[in-house]
Structures are given as C-alpha cells and as structure tokens.
Amino acid sequence: MFQTHLSPEALRGALARLRSGPPERGRAGARQPVHTVYGGAHLFKADTARKLGAVALRVVEEHAPDFAAFARAIGLPGADGLPEEHAEALALSAAIEAGGGAAARASGPARLAHAVYARVLDKLRREPVEDLRIDFEDGYGVRPGHEEDAHAAAAAREVALGMAAGGLPPFLGIRIKSLGDECAERSLRTLDLFLSSLVAASGGALPPGFAVTLPKVVAPEQVSALADALDALEGALRLPAGSIRIELMVETPASILGPRGEIALPGLVEAARGRCAAAHFGAYDYTASCEITAAHQHLAHPACDFARHVMQSALAGSGVWLSDGASNVLPVAPHRARPGGAPLTPQQVEDNRRAVVGAWRLKYEHVRRALGSGYYQGWDLHPAELPVRYAATYAFFLEGVEATSARLRGFIERAAQATVVGTVFDDAATGQGLLRFFLRAISAGAMTEVEAAERTGLTPDELRGRSFHAIVARRSV
C-alpha cells in the first residue's frame, strides 16, 4: 500500500486543465499546399490555374522532353549516369513502366528520376496550382483608385465563375496592401469590394480554403484591424463567423522581434483572434530592411536562416503553417521568336536553354534546402517554376522512403524501448516524427495513402489517425 494525498476531485481538476490545452489555431492536421503562386489581380481569370499548368508543360516539353533530360536539368542524384539520347531515354522509360526484369535492372537513380518525372507531368495536367493568391500588392502596384476598384470587382467575378466551373485550385485568396498609414484605407476598401462582389456573384459562398494575406506586418494592431474588418464583413455578408482566414507575411525585423527584444510572432498570431492560418517569409523585403544590399539578398543568406528559425521556434505546435519565400532568379528565356519573324538562331536557342535550366537548378536547390529545414511550402512566381517545385518535393520524400519506412516498422515493433536500426539510434520521441514523414509525403502528393500504407505496414485508418502513440496503444492490446 502506498500513501497518496491527491483527492479524486483535485486529480480530476488537474487532468481537465491539461486536456483543455491551448485554443486551437491554424489548420493543424489539414492538407498544407506545397506552394503559393502569386499573380497580379489585374491578370486573374477563372481559368488562370489551368493556363499556368499549360505553360509549365510547354516549358518542360521544350527543355526536358524525357525523364533523363529533366533529371539532369534540375540536378537529381545520379542524373549524370542516365541516357543522353532521347530515344534511349524513352526506351528505358518504357522498360520501367512495363515492370518485370527490365525494370528491376534499372538503376536506383533511373527509377527515382522516372517516378519524379511521371508525377510532375501528372500533377501539371491534373492540378497545376495548389494555392493561388490574387495579388493587390507588389504584383499589382500602385494604380488610380477607380482602376483598383474595377479590378477588385472583376477578379471577384472571375473567382465566382471559377467556383461554378470547378476550376479553382484547392486553396485561394487575395493579398491586400499593407495596413500602414499610407495604404490602410485603400487596402480595406479593396478587401470590401472584392468580398462584396464575390458574395453577390457566387450566391453567398466563398471558395474553400479562402484566405487574406496581410503583407509587411509590423505591429499586432495591424492584424487586429484586419480581424475587425473581417468580423464586420462576415456579419454584413452573412458569412459564417471566422470563416475567412488570415495569413501573415513576415517581411520586416519588427515581425520577428518586438521593440523590447521579445519574439513578436506569437503576439501577431494572437491578434488575429483564431484566424491566423499561416506565416509567409518575405526574404527580399526582410533582407532589405536589414540593409543588406541587393546583390547579397537571397534565400540562403544567414539573416534569412535566422528569421526562418525564429518563425519555427515561435510557432511550433501552434498549427500555423510556415512558408518560405521566392527564388530571385526566374526560369525565363531571354529570346522569343516573333510570329512571322525569323526563327531563333542556334545560339539563341542555347541561351534560352541555359537560362531556364540554370534557374531550374537554383530553384531546385532552394526548395530542397527549405524542405531539409522543415519548410514544406514556398512561393512560386512564374509557371515555369512549377515543375521544379513539384520535382524537388517529390524527390525529397521518395529518396527517403526506404530508410524511413524501415525505421518506422522497426520502431513500431519495439515501441516499448529505444532501438537501433542499422546505424541510426531511435528514441521514443522519434516515432511520431517518422510517422509525420509519411503524412507529409501524402499531403504533398509524393505518394498516395495506399502506397504509404504498403511501405509502412500501417492501415489507412492508422495513417489518418496521425498519432504514433495511438498506433502503438492499439497494437499493444
């Protein structure tokens, strides 16, 4: 017999406090898009996402007509050993697709490159854009008030058309201007016009996953002002309370550290009053604010690493998604053939190839670096970036499947104690991280739920439960 002094009432009270936990924020457990594509509001049409996918496919066909060429262009591991002749690459592709002995004899790099290329092409045809932001800020510029009014209403009507046709991306929203002194009234007027026009044109509905992105946040009061405006608009337009999410752009040192040196992000998220779904890092405004010259502004700058890590630490476990910024070199060909004009010279064709492939390689490195740092979403500004975004994401997960699935299976079998698998030591906290790898891979489209279940030995229901502890508890009975 052991003596205790906690009464049943005291114990229940303490446990109830633990179970209540912090208020739910963000979109914990939901699908996170792998990117956000920004485009000027004056250019948005109901079929914009489809057109971006078509452009992306044409660029791939021109500069990487087979899986081996694409692998070399972006720098996939082992790409140098793949066939350089188009006919040979097609023959190897056919053998891999046919399966059997020929496929088994294909090298690991060939199978990886083929899988990535096939998934990228399928994605560009089926769902080329996951998250689209109709931009009234940097991608739109400063225009006369009547012109922005007209574009806000027109973009809203196009969204309504896209909703009716089923052609919008899974996530969509607008980026308004900042709520600094000079732009605040214009920004909120655009928000009002857009939402009012959209609700009128759509019969009272918003697209699923709709968000308003607030740029250049420097104080909690700016976030609170946007939340106040959304409260009022939801009431006036008879929309469900809290249905419009806010995304914050971290573009200034004031978004990272407050005036007394405290971390500012939790206060910014709190000011959104439960609406904050994501925080997006703006590398170039941030580095400019740190007085880093333009020649040295890039995603891999140490100042950017510091800001991103503060974002991770401050918002870990909050359910607020994190997104990296954009690459500063776009895959744009410098030479274009004019209709009815002379064709491009061989040198111009080579110049175009070098420009696109060089930007692809840089984009691939940026995306892989972000993924390795725990950032699973980023910005894309040009349709030719889409193939590389998806390729880098798919390769990141597919390369790690074998090792991670072996560790997860072994860890589940020996969940009651720490275990060593190969040369890697796992402790109890690792189990959830191993499971999260596959949940992320499914969310990103790198593999299906069925493929993940086959790799891990888990059931689809166990994967959907998202809890390593629950899996172990169920299997221990």
Protein backbone atom coordinates (compact mmCIF):
# COMPACT_ATOMS: atom_id res chain seq x y z
CA MET A 1 0.00 0.00 0.00
CA PHE A 2 1.25 3.48 -0.89
CA GLN A 3 0.09 6.70 0.67
CA THR A 4 -1.15 9.49 -1.64
CA HIS A 5 -2.66 12.90 -0.93
CA LEU A 6 -4.28 14.00 -4.21
CA SER A 7 -8.05 13.75 -3.76
CA PRO A 8 -10.12 12.45 -6.70
CA GLU A 9 -11.51 15.97 -7.14
CA ALA A 10 -8.04 17.55 -7.24
CA LEU A 11 -6.80 14.93 -9.69
CA ARG A 12 -9.79 15.41 -12.00
CA GLY A 13 -9.30 19.17 -11.91
CA ALA A 14 -5.61 18.94 -12.82
CA LEU A 15 -6.24 16.50 -15.66
CA ALA A 16 -9.12 18.57 -17.00
CA ARG A 17 -6.81 21.57 -17.26
CA LEU A 18 -4.30 19.51 -19.23
CA ARG A 19 -6.95 18.18 -21.58
CA SER A 20 -8.29 21.63 -22.33
CA GLY A 21 -4.93 22.75 -23.75
CA PRO A 22 -4.36 25.99 -25.66
CA PRO A 23 -7.02 27.29 -28.04
CA GLU A 24 -6.87 25.70 -31.47
CA ARG A 25 -5.21 27.85 -34.11
CA GLY A 26 -4.30 27.42 -37.74
CA ARG A 27 -5.04 24.25 -39.68
CA ALA A 28 -3.27 21.51 -37.73
CA GLY A 29 -3.69 18.14 -39.43
CA ALA A 30 -5.14 19.55 -42.64
CA ARG A 31 -3.54 19.38 -46.07
CA GLN A 32 -0.90 22.07 -46.48
CA PRO A 33 -0.24 23.27 -50.04
CA VAL A 34 3.35 22.87 -51.18
CA HIS A 35 3.38 26.39 -52.62
CA THR A 36 1.55 29.65 -53.07
CA VAL A 37 1.52 31.13 -56.56
CA TYR A 38 1.24 34.93 -56.70
CA GLY A 39 -0.15 36.83 -59.68
CA GLY A 40 -1.35 40.38 -60.25
CA ALA A 41 -5.07 40.87 -59.64
CA HIS A 42 -5.45 42.63 -62.99
CA LEU A 43 -4.41 39.41 -64.75
CA PHE A 44 -6.54 36.90 -62.84
CA LYS A 45 -9.12 34.86 -64.72
CA ALA A 46 -11.27 31.90 -63.77
CA ASP A 47 -9.01 29.56 -65.76
CA THR A 48 -5.68 31.07 -64.64
CA ALA A 49 -4.55 27.90 -62.85
CA ARG A 50 -5.20 25.76 -65.94
CA LYS A 51 -3.31 28.19 -68.16
CA LEU A 52 -0.34 28.23 -65.79
CA GLY A 53 -0.23 24.44 -65.97
CA ALA A 54 -0.29 24.52 -69.77
CA VAL A 55 2.63 26.97 -69.86
CA ALA A 56 4.58 24.81 -67.41
CA LEU A 57 4.03 21.72 -69.57
CA ARG A 58 5.23 23.52 -72.70
CA VAL A 59 8.43 24.59 -70.94
CA VAL A 60 9.10 21.02 -69.82
CA GLU A 61 8.45 19.67 -73.29
CA GLU A 62 10.86 22.20 -74.79
CA HIS A 63 13.74 21.92 -72.33
CA ALA A 64 13.29 18.43 -70.80
CA PRO A 65 11.41 16.15 -73.22
CA ASP A 66 12.20 12.97 -71.27
CA PHE A 67 12.81 11.95 -67.69
CA ALA A 68 16.59 11.77 -68.06
CA ALA A 69 16.85 15.27 -69.53
CA PHE A 70 14.69 16.64 -66.73
CA ALA A 71 16.77 14.88 -64.07
CA ARG A 72 19.96 16.37 -65.49
CA ALA A 73 18.40 19.82 -65.76
CA ILE A 74 17.41 20.05 -62.11
CA GLY A 75 20.30 18.03 -60.71
CA LEU A 76 18.68 14.87 -59.39
CA PRO A 77 21.16 12.45 -57.74
CA GLY A 78 22.74 10.10 -60.28
CA ALA A 79 21.35 12.02 -63.26
CA ASP A 80 24.75 12.09 -65.00
CA GLY A 81 24.54 8.32 -65.49
CA LEU A 82 21.21 8.44 -67.33
CA PRO A 83 20.91 8.19 -71.14
CA GLU A 84 21.65 11.39 -73.01
CA GLU A 85 19.99 10.33 -76.25
CA HIS A 86 16.24 10.94 -76.31
CA ALA A 87 15.49 7.57 -77.93
CA GLU A 88 17.47 5.71 -75.29
CA ALA A 89 15.73 7.58 -72.51
CA LEU A 90 12.33 6.72 -73.99
CA ALA A 91 13.30 3.05 -74.24
CA LEU A 92 14.42 2.97 -70.62
CA SER A 93 11.23 4.76 -69.58
CA ALA A 94 9.13 2.16 -71.39
CA ALA A 95 11.04 -0.66 -69.68
CA ILE A 96 10.48 0.86 -66.23
CA GLU A 97 6.79 1.33 -66.93
CA ALA A 98 6.44 -2.24 -68.21
CA GLY A 99 7.88 -3.64 -64.98
CA GLY A 100 9.40 -7.08 -64.72
CA GLY A 101 13.08 -7.89 -65.10
CA ALA A 102 13.98 -4.88 -67.22
CA ALA A 103 12.55 -2.51 -64.65
CA ALA A 104 14.32 -4.34 -61.83
CA ARG A 105 17.65 -3.96 -63.64
CA ALA A 106 17.20 -0.18 -63.95
CA SER A 107 19.40 1.75 -61.58
CA GLY A 108 18.05 3.42 -58.47
CA PRO A 109 18.64 6.91 -59.92
CA ALA A 110 16.77 5.92 -63.09
CA ARG A 111 13.76 4.67 -61.16
CA LEU A 112 13.74 7.78 -58.97
CA ALA A 113 14.06 10.15 -61.94
CA HIS A 114 11.31 8.30 -63.81
CA ALA A 115 8.95 8.37 -60.83
CA VAL A 116 9.55 12.08 -60.23
CA TYR A 117 9.05 13.00 -63.89
CA ALA A 118 5.84 10.96 -64.20
CA ARG A 119 4.39 12.52 -61.05
CA VAL A 120 5.32 16.02 -62.18
CA LEU A 121 3.65 15.64 -65.57
CA ASP A 122 0.54 14.15 -63.99
CA LYS A 123 0.38 16.99 -61.47
CA LEU A 124 0.73 19.71 -64.12
CA ARG A 125 -2.11 18.17 -66.13
CA ARG A 126 -4.39 17.43 -63.19
CA GLU A 127 -3.81 20.12 -60.55
CA PRO A 128 -1.04 22.50 -61.61
CA VAL A 129 -1.62 25.02 -58.81
CA GLU A 130 -2.40 24.18 -55.20
CA ASP A 131 -2.70 27.66 -53.73
CA LEU A 132 -3.22 30.85 -55.72
CA ARG A 133 -3.02 34.38 -54.34
CA ILE A 134 -4.69 37.20 -56.26
CA ASP A 135 -2.26 39.99 -55.58
CA PHE A 136 -3.13 43.63 -54.97
CA GLU A 137 0.30 44.45 -53.53
CA ASP A 138 3.76 44.09 -55.12
CA GLY A 139 2.48 42.05 -58.06
CA TYR A 140 -0.14 44.71 -58.77
CA GLY A 141 1.48 48.02 -57.94
CA VAL A 142 0.04 51.43 -57.21
CA ARG A 143 -2.81 52.39 -59.53
CA PRO A 144 -5.56 55.01 -59.56
CA GLY A 145 -8.36 54.27 -57.08
CA HIS A 146 -11.04 53.74 -59.72
CA GLU A 147 -8.80 51.25 -61.52
CA GLU A 148 -8.18 49.16 -58.40
CA ASP A 149 -11.90 49.28 -57.61
CA ALA A 150 -12.68 47.85 -61.05
CA HIS A 151 -10.02 45.16 -60.78
CA ALA A 152 -11.22 44.10 -57.31
CA ALA A 153 -14.76 43.62 -58.58
CA ALA A 154 -13.64 41.92 -61.80
CA ALA A 155 -11.34 39.48 -60.01
CA ALA A 156 -14.16 38.57 -57.63
CA ARG A 157 -16.49 37.81 -60.53
CA GLU A 158 -13.81 35.62 -62.10
CA VAL A 159 -13.49 33.70 -58.82
CA ALA A 160 -17.24 33.12 -58.85
CA LEU A 161 -17.01 31.82 -62.43
CA GLY A 162 -14.19 29.51 -61.39
CA MET A 163 -16.23 28.21 -58.47
CA ALA A 164 -19.18 27.45 -60.74
CA ALA A 165 -16.93 25.67 -63.26
CA GLY A 166 -14.96 23.75 -60.63
CA GLY A 167 -11.71 25.13 -62.00
CA LEU A 168 -10.16 26.85 -58.99
CA PRO A 169 -7.17 25.50 -57.06
CA PRO A 170 -7.82 23.79 -53.69
CA PHE A 171 -6.67 26.96 -51.89
CA LEU A 172 -7.20 30.54 -52.99
CA GLY A 173 -7.12 34.03 -51.55
CA ILE A 174 -6.10 37.62 -52.05
CA ARG A 175 -3.14 39.64 -50.86
CA ILE A 176 -4.19 43.15 -49.92
CA LYS A 177 -1.88 46.10 -49.47
CA SER A 178 -0.30 46.68 -46.08
CA LEU A 179 -2.18 48.37 -43.28
CA GLY A 180 0.49 51.02 -42.85
CA ASP A 181 -0.67 54.61 -42.69
CA GLU A 182 -0.37 55.29 -46.42
CA CYS A 183 -2.26 52.25 -47.70
CA ALA A 184 -4.66 51.19 -44.93
CA GLU A 185 -7.84 52.78 -46.26
CA ARG A 186 -7.15 51.64 -49.83
CA SER A 187 -6.35 48.14 -48.60
CA LEU A 188 -9.58 47.71 -46.64
CA ARG A 189 -11.64 49.20 -49.48
CA THR A 190 -10.23 46.62 -51.88
CA LEU A 191 -10.99 43.86 -49.38
CA ASP A 192 -14.57 45.09 -49.01
CA LEU A 193 -15.12 45.45 -52.75
CA PHE A 194 -13.66 42.03 -53.51
CA LEU A 195 -15.64 40.14 -50.87
CA SER A 196 -18.87 42.02 -51.52
CA SER A 197 -18.61 41.38 -55.27
CA LEU A 198 -17.70 37.73 -54.77
CA VAL A 199 -20.59 37.00 -52.43
CA ALA A 200 -23.00 38.76 -54.79
CA ALA A 201 -21.74 36.83 -57.82
CA SER A 202 -21.47 33.42 -56.13
CA GLY A 203 -24.79 33.46 -54.30
CA GLY A 204 -23.25 33.88 -50.87
CA ALA A 205 -20.34 31.40 -50.98
CA LEU A 206 -16.57 31.63 -50.69
CA PRO A 207 -14.06 29.18 -52.21
CA PRO A 208 -12.82 26.50 -49.81
CA GLY A 209 -9.57 27.42 -48.10
CA PHE A 210 -10.03 31.14 -48.76
CA ALA A 211 -7.51 33.42 -47.03
CA VAL A 212 -6.50 37.06 -46.89
CA THR A 213 -2.74 37.66 -46.86
CA LEU A 214 -1.54 40.71 -44.93
CA PRO A 215 1.89 41.98 -46.05
CA LYS A 216 4.57 43.98 -44.24
CA VAL A 217 3.19 43.41 -40.76
CA VAL A 218 4.99 45.49 -38.15
CA ALA A 219 2.54 45.58 -35.21
CA PRO A 220 -0.27 43.50 -33.65
CA GLU A 221 -2.65 46.42 -34.17
CA GLN A 222 -2.48 45.90 -37.94
CA VAL A 223 -3.54 42.28 -37.55
CA SER A 224 -6.31 43.23 -35.13
CA ALA A 225 -7.57 45.84 -37.59
CA LEU A 226 -7.84 43.22 -40.33
CA ALA A 227 -9.61 40.82 -37.95
CA ASP A 228 -12.05 43.62 -37.04
CA ALA A 229 -12.75 44.29 -40.71
CA LEU A 230 -13.35 40.61 -41.39
CA ASP A 231 -15.70 40.37 -38.39
CA ALA A 232 -17.74 43.23 -39.82
CA LEU A 233 -17.72 41.89 -43.38
CA GLU A 234 -18.73 38.38 -42.34
CA GLY A 235 -21.65 39.82 -40.42
CA ALA A 236 -22.76 42.13 -43.23
CA LEU A 237 -22.39 39.45 -45.92
CA ARG A 238 -23.95 36.69 -43.78
CA LEU A 239 -20.86 34.53 -43.89
CA PRO A 240 -20.02 32.11 -41.06
CA ALA A 241 -18.14 33.90 -38.29
CA GLY A 242 -14.40 33.26 -38.50
CA SER A 243 -14.64 31.60 -41.92
CA ILE A 244 -12.09 33.92 -43.58
CA ARG A 245 -8.53 33.05 -42.59
CA ILE A 246 -5.62 35.44 -42.23
CA GLU A 247 -2.09 34.76 -43.45
CA LEU A 248 0.73 36.95 -42.18
CA MET A 249 3.75 37.98 -44.17
CA VAL A 250 6.96 38.15 -42.15
CA GLU A 251 8.91 40.73 -44.12
CA THR A 252 10.42 43.04 -41.54
CA PRO A 253 12.58 42.66 -38.41
CA ALA A 254 9.62 44.06 -36.46
CA SER A 255 7.68 40.90 -37.37
CA ILE A 256 10.42 38.82 -35.75
CA LEU A 257 11.43 40.86 -32.70
CA GLY A 258 9.34 43.38 -30.80
CA PRO A 259 10.51 46.79 -29.54
CA ARG A 260 11.89 45.29 -26.31
CA GLY A 261 13.60 42.36 -27.98
CA GLU A 262 10.77 39.92 -27.37
CA ILE A 263 9.71 37.50 -30.10
CA ALA A 264 6.89 39.29 -31.91
CA LEU A 265 5.22 36.44 -33.81
CA PRO A 266 3.05 34.96 -31.02
CA GLY A 267 1.55 38.40 -30.42
CA LEU A 268 0.83 38.83 -34.12
CA VAL A 269 -0.88 35.45 -34.28
CA GLU A 270 -2.85 36.19 -31.12
CA ALA A 271 -4.04 39.47 -32.60
CA ALA A 272 -5.73 37.52 -35.41
CA ARG A 273 -8.11 36.04 -32.81
CA GLY A 274 -8.00 32.48 -34.11
CA ARG A 275 -7.96 33.39 -37.79
CA CYS A 276 -4.22 33.04 -38.45
CA ALA A 277 -3.58 30.06 -40.71
CA ALA A 278 -0.05 30.69 -41.98
CA ALA A 279 3.06 32.84 -41.78
CA HIS A 280 4.92 33.50 -45.04
CA PHE A 281 8.51 34.66 -45.08
CA GLY A 282 9.38 37.52 -47.43
CA ALA A 283 13.12 37.19 -47.91
CA TYR A 284 13.82 40.24 -50.04
CA ASP A 285 11.88 42.83 -48.08
CA TYR A 286 13.35 41.34 -44.92
CA THR A 287 16.95 41.47 -46.07
CA ALA A 288 16.43 44.97 -47.48
CA SER A 289 15.10 46.04 -44.07
CA CYS A 290 18.33 44.67 -42.58
CA GLU A 291 20.25 46.95 -45.00
CA ILE A 292 21.65 44.00 -46.95
CA THR A 293 22.44 45.15 -50.47
CA ALA A 294 20.51 43.73 -53.42
CA ALA A 295 23.47 41.71 -54.70
CA HIS A 296 23.51 39.71 -51.46
CA GLN A 297 19.76 39.22 -50.98
CA HIS A 298 18.93 35.54 -51.40
CA LEU A 299 17.08 32.78 -49.61
CA ALA A 300 20.25 31.19 -48.24
CA HIS A 301 21.51 34.36 -46.54
CA PRO A 302 22.23 33.86 -42.80
CA ALA A 303 19.78 36.65 -41.96
CA CYS A 304 17.03 34.63 -43.65
CA ASP A 305 18.06 31.48 -41.81
CA PHE A 306 17.78 33.36 -38.51
CA ALA A 307 14.32 34.72 -39.32
CA ARG A 308 13.00 31.35 -40.50
CA HIS A 309 14.27 29.57 -37.42
CA VAL A 310 12.68 32.13 -35.13
CA MET A 311 9.43 31.58 -37.01
CA GLN A 312 9.75 27.83 -36.47
CA SER A 313 10.57 28.12 -32.79
CA ALA A 314 7.90 30.71 -32.05
CA LEU A 315 5.08 28.90 -33.87
CA ALA A 316 6.00 25.24 -33.28
CA GLY A 317 2.93 23.25 -32.31
CA SER A 318 0.56 26.15 -32.99
CA GLY A 319 -0.94 24.68 -36.17
CA VAL A 320 0.13 27.80 -38.08
CA TRP A 321 1.68 26.79 -41.39
CA LEU A 322 5.06 28.17 -42.37
CA SER A 323 6.03 29.13 -45.91
CA ASP A 324 9.40 30.06 -47.36
CA GLY A 325 9.87 32.91 -49.82
CA ALA A 326 10.51 33.07 -53.55
CA SER A 327 13.61 32.38 -55.61
CA ASN A 328 15.16 35.53 -57.05
CA VAL A 329 16.02 34.10 -60.48
CA LEU A 330 13.08 33.10 -62.68
CA PRO A 331 13.28 30.49 -65.49
CA VAL A 332 12.53 32.96 -68.28
CA ALA A 333 14.04 32.55 -71.74
CA PRO A 334 15.76 35.78 -72.88
CA HIS A 335 14.92 35.29 -76.59
CA ARG A 336 11.48 34.90 -78.12
CA ALA A 337 10.60 34.14 -81.70
CA ARG A 338 8.12 36.65 -83.08
CA PRO A 339 5.13 35.41 -85.11
CA GLY A 340 6.04 35.72 -88.76
CA GLY A 341 9.61 36.68 -87.91
CA ALA A 342 12.88 34.86 -88.29
CA PRO A 343 13.37 31.71 -86.20
CA LEU A 344 15.76 31.79 -83.28
CA THR A 345 19.39 31.14 -84.08
CA PRO A 346 21.11 28.07 -82.59
CA GLN A 347 22.94 30.38 -80.18
CA GLN A 348 19.68 31.96 -79.04
CA VAL A 349 18.15 28.55 -78.51
CA GLU A 350 21.15 27.56 -76.41
CA ASP A 351 20.94 30.84 -74.47
CA ASN A 352 17.30 30.09 -73.68
CA ARG A 353 18.11 26.57 -72.55
CA ARG A 354 20.91 27.75 -70.30
CA ALA A 355 18.74 30.45 -68.72
CA VAL A 356 15.84 28.13 -67.98
CA VAL A 357 17.95 25.20 -66.81
CA GLY A 358 20.14 27.44 -64.67
CA ALA A 359 17.11 28.92 -62.93
CA TRP A 360 15.62 25.43 -62.54
CA ARG A 361 18.78 24.20 -60.85
CA LEU A 362 18.78 27.16 -58.43
CA LYS A 363 15.08 26.68 -57.69
CA TYR A 364 15.62 23.00 -57.01
CA GLU A 365 18.38 23.82 -54.54
CA HIS A 366 16.22 26.42 -52.80
CA VAL A 367 13.26 24.06 -52.43
CA ARG A 368 15.38 21.15 -51.22
CA ARG A 369 17.13 23.40 -48.71
CA ALA A 370 13.77 24.58 -47.39
CA LEU A 371 12.42 21.03 -47.12
CA GLY A 372 15.50 19.91 -45.23
CA SER A 373 14.95 22.82 -42.84
CA GLY A 374 11.32 21.90 -42.17
CA TYR A 375 9.64 24.38 -44.54
CA TYR A 376 7.18 22.44 -46.69
CA GLN A 377 5.65 25.36 -48.56
CA GLY A 378 7.12 28.23 -50.58
CA TRP A 379 6.35 30.89 -53.14
CA ASP A 380 6.27 30.45 -56.90
CA LEU A 381 6.08 33.49 -59.16
CA HIS A 382 6.31 32.01 -62.68
CA PRO A 383 4.63 28.96 -64.26
CA ALA A 384 8.00 27.53 -65.34
CA GLU A 385 8.86 27.16 -61.64
CA LEU A 386 6.00 24.72 -61.04
CA PRO A 387 7.73 21.61 -62.49
CA VAL A 388 10.74 22.13 -60.23
CA ARG A 389 8.65 22.83 -57.15
CA TYR A 390 6.88 19.51 -57.54
CA ALA A 391 10.00 17.62 -58.62
CA ALA A 392 12.03 18.78 -55.60
CA THR A 393 9.18 17.96 -53.24
CA TYR A 394 8.55 14.50 -54.68
CA ALA A 395 12.24 13.62 -54.80
CA PHE A 396 12.73 14.74 -51.20
CA PHE A 397 10.19 12.24 -49.96
CA LEU A 398 10.81 9.42 -52.44
CA GLU A 399 14.55 9.40 -51.70
CA GLY A 400 13.84 8.87 -48.02
CA VAL A 401 11.09 6.27 -48.26
CA GLU A 402 13.15 3.10 -47.89
CA ALA A 403 15.17 4.19 -44.86
CA THR A 404 12.27 5.90 -43.12
CA SER A 405 9.82 3.05 -43.63
CA ALA A 406 12.37 0.55 -42.27
CA ARG A 407 12.92 2.68 -39.19
CA LEU A 408 9.20 3.16 -38.63
CA ARG A 409 8.37 -0.53 -38.96
CA GLY A 410 11.19 -1.47 -36.64
CA PHE A 411 10.24 1.21 -34.15
CA ILE A 412 6.60 0.12 -34.03
CA GLU A 413 7.70 -3.46 -33.37
CA ARG A 414 9.86 -2.36 -30.45
CA ALA A 415 7.89 0.67 -29.30
CA ALA A 416 8.30 -0.09 -25.59
CA GLN A 417 12.02 0.59 -25.69
CA ALA A 418 14.59 2.53 -27.62
CA THR A 419 16.01 0.60 -30.53
CA VAL A 420 18.81 0.76 -33.01
CA VAL A 421 18.03 0.20 -36.69
CA GLY A 422 21.20 -0.11 -38.70
CA THR A 423 23.48 2.67 -37.57
CA VAL A 424 20.71 5.09 -36.60
CA PHE A 425 19.59 5.36 -33.00
CA ASP A 426 15.91 5.99 -32.34
CA ASP A 427 14.33 7.09 -29.08
CA ALA A 428 10.65 7.17 -28.18
CA ALA A 429 10.11 10.73 -29.44
CA THR A 430 11.24 9.72 -32.92
CA GLY A 431 8.18 7.59 -33.65
CA GLN A 432 5.87 10.50 -34.28
CA GLY A 433 8.49 12.17 -36.46
CA LEU A 434 8.84 9.05 -38.60
CA LEU A 435 5.07 8.86 -38.99
CA ARG A 436 4.92 12.56 -39.84
CA PHE A 437 7.31 11.99 -42.74
CA PHE A 438 4.70 9.81 -44.47
CA LEU A 439 1.85 12.13 -43.56
CA ARG A 440 3.78 14.98 -45.16
CA ALA A 441 4.56 12.85 -48.22
CA ILE A 442 0.86 12.07 -48.68
CA SER A 443 -0.14 15.71 -48.19
CA ALA A 444 2.47 16.85 -50.72
CA GLY A 445 1.37 14.30 -53.33
CA ALA A 446 4.67 12.43 -53.35
CA MET A 447 2.82 9.20 -52.63
CA THR A 448 -0.73 8.02 -52.14
CA GLU A 449 -2.19 6.82 -48.89
CA VAL A 450 -2.22 3.28 -50.30
CA GLU A 451 1.48 3.50 -51.21
CA ALA A 452 2.34 4.81 -47.75
CA ALA A 453 0.37 2.01 -46.12
CA GLU A 454 2.20 -0.60 -48.19
CA ARG A 455 5.59 0.91 -47.31
CA THR A 456 4.96 1.23 -43.59
CA GLY A 457 2.75 -1.75 -42.85
CA LEU A 458 0.16 0.59 -41.34
CA THR A 459 -3.50 0.64 -42.23
CA PRO A 460 -5.08 3.67 -43.91
CA ASP A 461 -7.06 4.27 -40.72
CA GLU A 462 -3.86 4.31 -38.68
CA LEU A 463 -2.34 6.84 -41.07
CA ARG A 464 -5.44 9.03 -40.91
CA GLY A 465 -5.29 8.96 -37.13
CA ARG A 466 -1.92 10.78 -37.35
CA SER A 467 -0.86 9.54 -33.90
CA PHE A 468 2.07 7.22 -33.32
CA HIS A 469 1.02 6.80 -29.69
CA ALA A 470 -2.46 5.66 -30.74
CA ILE A 471 -0.99 3.15 -33.21
CA VAL A 472 1.25 1.64 -30.55
CA ALA A 473 -1.56 1.57 -27.97
CA ARG A 474 -3.90 -0.17 -30.39
CA ARG A 475 -1.32 -2.75 -31.41
CA SER A 476 -0.32 -3.44 -27.84
CA VAL A 477 -3.78 -4.66 -26.87
